Protein backbone atom coordinates (compact mmCIF):
# COMPACT_ATOMS: atom_id res chain seq x y z
CA MET A 1 -54.63 88.20 39.69
CA PRO A 2 -52.54 85.93 41.89
CA HIS A 3 -49.45 88.18 41.85
CA MET A 4 -51.36 91.02 43.56
CA PRO A 5 -52.04 90.85 47.29
CA TYR A 6 -55.15 92.97 46.66
CA SER A 7 -57.17 93.99 43.62
CA GLY A 8 -60.60 95.53 44.11
CA HIS A 9 -63.07 97.27 41.85
CA HIS A 10 -65.72 99.11 43.83
CA ILE A 11 -68.86 100.24 41.99
CA CYS A 12 -70.23 103.59 43.09
CA ASN A 13 -73.06 105.16 41.06
CA HIS A 14 -74.75 103.36 38.17
CA LEU A 15 -77.30 105.27 36.10
CA VAL A 16 -79.12 103.44 33.29
CA SER A 17 -81.71 104.56 30.77
CA VAL A 18 -83.77 101.86 29.00
CA ASP A 19 -85.80 102.31 25.82
CA GLY A 20 -87.34 99.02 24.68
CA ASP A 21 -84.58 96.51 23.97
CA GLU A 22 -81.80 99.11 24.09
CA GLY A 23 -80.21 101.02 26.92
CA GLU A 24 -77.34 103.23 27.84
CA GLY A 25 -75.62 103.97 31.09
CA GLU A 26 -72.72 105.34 33.04
CA VAL A 27 -71.01 103.52 35.90
CA TYR A 28 -68.62 105.22 38.31
CA ALA A 29 -66.05 102.98 39.98
CA LEU A 30 -62.93 103.10 42.11
CA ALA A 31 -60.20 100.59 41.37
CA TYR A 32 -57.58 99.93 44.05
CA HIS A 33 -54.62 97.61 43.54
CA LEU A 34 -51.51 96.62 45.43
CA ILE A 35 -48.92 95.64 42.83
CA PRO A 36 -45.49 94.15 43.58
CA ASP A 37 -42.60 96.35 42.49
CA SER A 38 -39.15 95.12 41.40
CA LYS A 39 -37.61 95.84 44.84
CA GLY A 40 -39.76 93.58 47.05
CA GLY A 41 -42.20 96.36 47.95
CA LEU A 42 -45.67 97.26 46.76
CA ILE A 43 -47.11 99.99 44.57
CA GLU A 44 -50.49 101.41 45.57
CA ASP A 45 -52.55 102.08 42.44
CA LEU A 46 -55.83 104.03 42.75
CA GLN A 47 -58.02 104.89 39.77
CA ALA A 48 -61.31 106.73 39.40
CA VAL A 49 -63.00 105.12 36.42
CA ARG A 50 -66.19 105.69 34.42
CA TYR A 51 -67.70 103.06 32.17
CA VAL A 52 -69.87 104.61 29.45
CA ASP A 53 -72.02 101.78 28.11
CA ARG A 54 -74.60 100.86 25.52
CA TYR A 55 -76.72 97.76 26.17
CA ARG A 56 -79.09 95.63 24.12
CA LYS A 57 -81.49 92.85 24.95
CA GLU A 58 -81.05 89.68 22.90
CA ASP A 59 -83.07 86.51 23.44
CA GLY A 60 -84.37 87.86 26.74
CA ARG A 61 -80.91 88.68 28.17
CA TRP A 62 -79.24 92.06 28.51
CA LYS A 63 -75.76 92.32 26.98
CA PHE A 64 -73.13 94.97 26.50
CA ALA A 65 -73.26 96.42 23.00
CA GLN A 66 -70.37 98.84 23.56
CA ARG A 67 -68.21 100.00 26.45
CA THR A 68 -65.93 103.03 26.64
CA VAL A 69 -63.65 103.32 29.67
CA GLU A 70 -62.72 106.79 30.90
CA PHE A 71 -60.02 107.31 33.52
CA ASP A 72 -60.81 110.46 35.50
CA MET A 73 -57.90 110.12 37.93
CA ARG A 74 -55.00 107.79 38.60
CA ARG A 75 -52.51 107.79 41.43
CA SER A 76 -49.59 105.41 41.73
CA ARG A 77 -47.16 105.57 44.64
CA PRO A 78 -45.17 103.33 46.95
CA ALA A 79 -47.68 101.61 49.22
CA PRO A 80 -47.78 102.48 52.89
CA ASP A 81 -47.47 99.63 55.35
CA VAL A 82 -50.60 97.58 54.70
CA GLU A 83 -51.78 94.18 55.85
CA CYS A 84 -53.46 91.85 53.38
CA PRO A 85 -54.03 88.51 55.09
CA ALA A 86 -53.51 85.60 52.74
CA ARG A 87 -56.58 83.35 52.74
CA GLY A 88 -57.18 80.14 50.91
CA LEU A 89 -60.51 79.50 49.21
CA ASP A 90 -61.53 77.23 52.08
CA GLU A 91 -61.36 80.32 54.36
CA GLU A 92 -62.95 82.85 52.00
CA ALA A 93 -66.45 83.77 53.23
CA SER A 94 -67.81 84.28 49.71
CA TYR A 95 -67.07 80.65 48.87
CA THR A 96 -67.84 79.07 52.25
CA THR A 97 -71.08 80.91 53.09
CA LEU A 98 -72.87 81.73 49.82
CA VAL A 99 -74.30 78.64 48.12
CA SER A 100 -75.85 80.02 44.91
CA ARG A 101 -74.01 79.01 41.74
CA LEU A 102 -73.69 82.75 41.04
CA PHE A 103 -71.03 82.91 43.78
CA ALA A 104 -69.13 79.76 42.75
CA ARG A 105 -65.52 80.33 41.78
CA GLY A 106 -65.32 81.18 38.09
CA ALA A 107 -69.11 81.43 37.78
CA GLN A 108 -70.75 83.46 35.05
CA ALA A 109 -74.10 85.13 35.58
């Protein structure tokens, strides 16, 4: 999201139960965003999220069969003074250090 100086989704606990070619699970995550406001400042947006999922295996690959998103908490407020250094892709360690195609920009697993 190029308009945001920072957008991060941080996975916490992930519990999965598998039965044959079907599974179900719950993923806890924290989402933190810095969003420009209309006055030249930033809004700090913090969310505690749970993904309640059903999975199925098709042709040897696991896929999402269903996902429900639950928001347990959300806080939005003017952002404190924060520093988010702007880096181009040629400076981003994920792209300059990791060589697997999994880490290529726009890659799909």
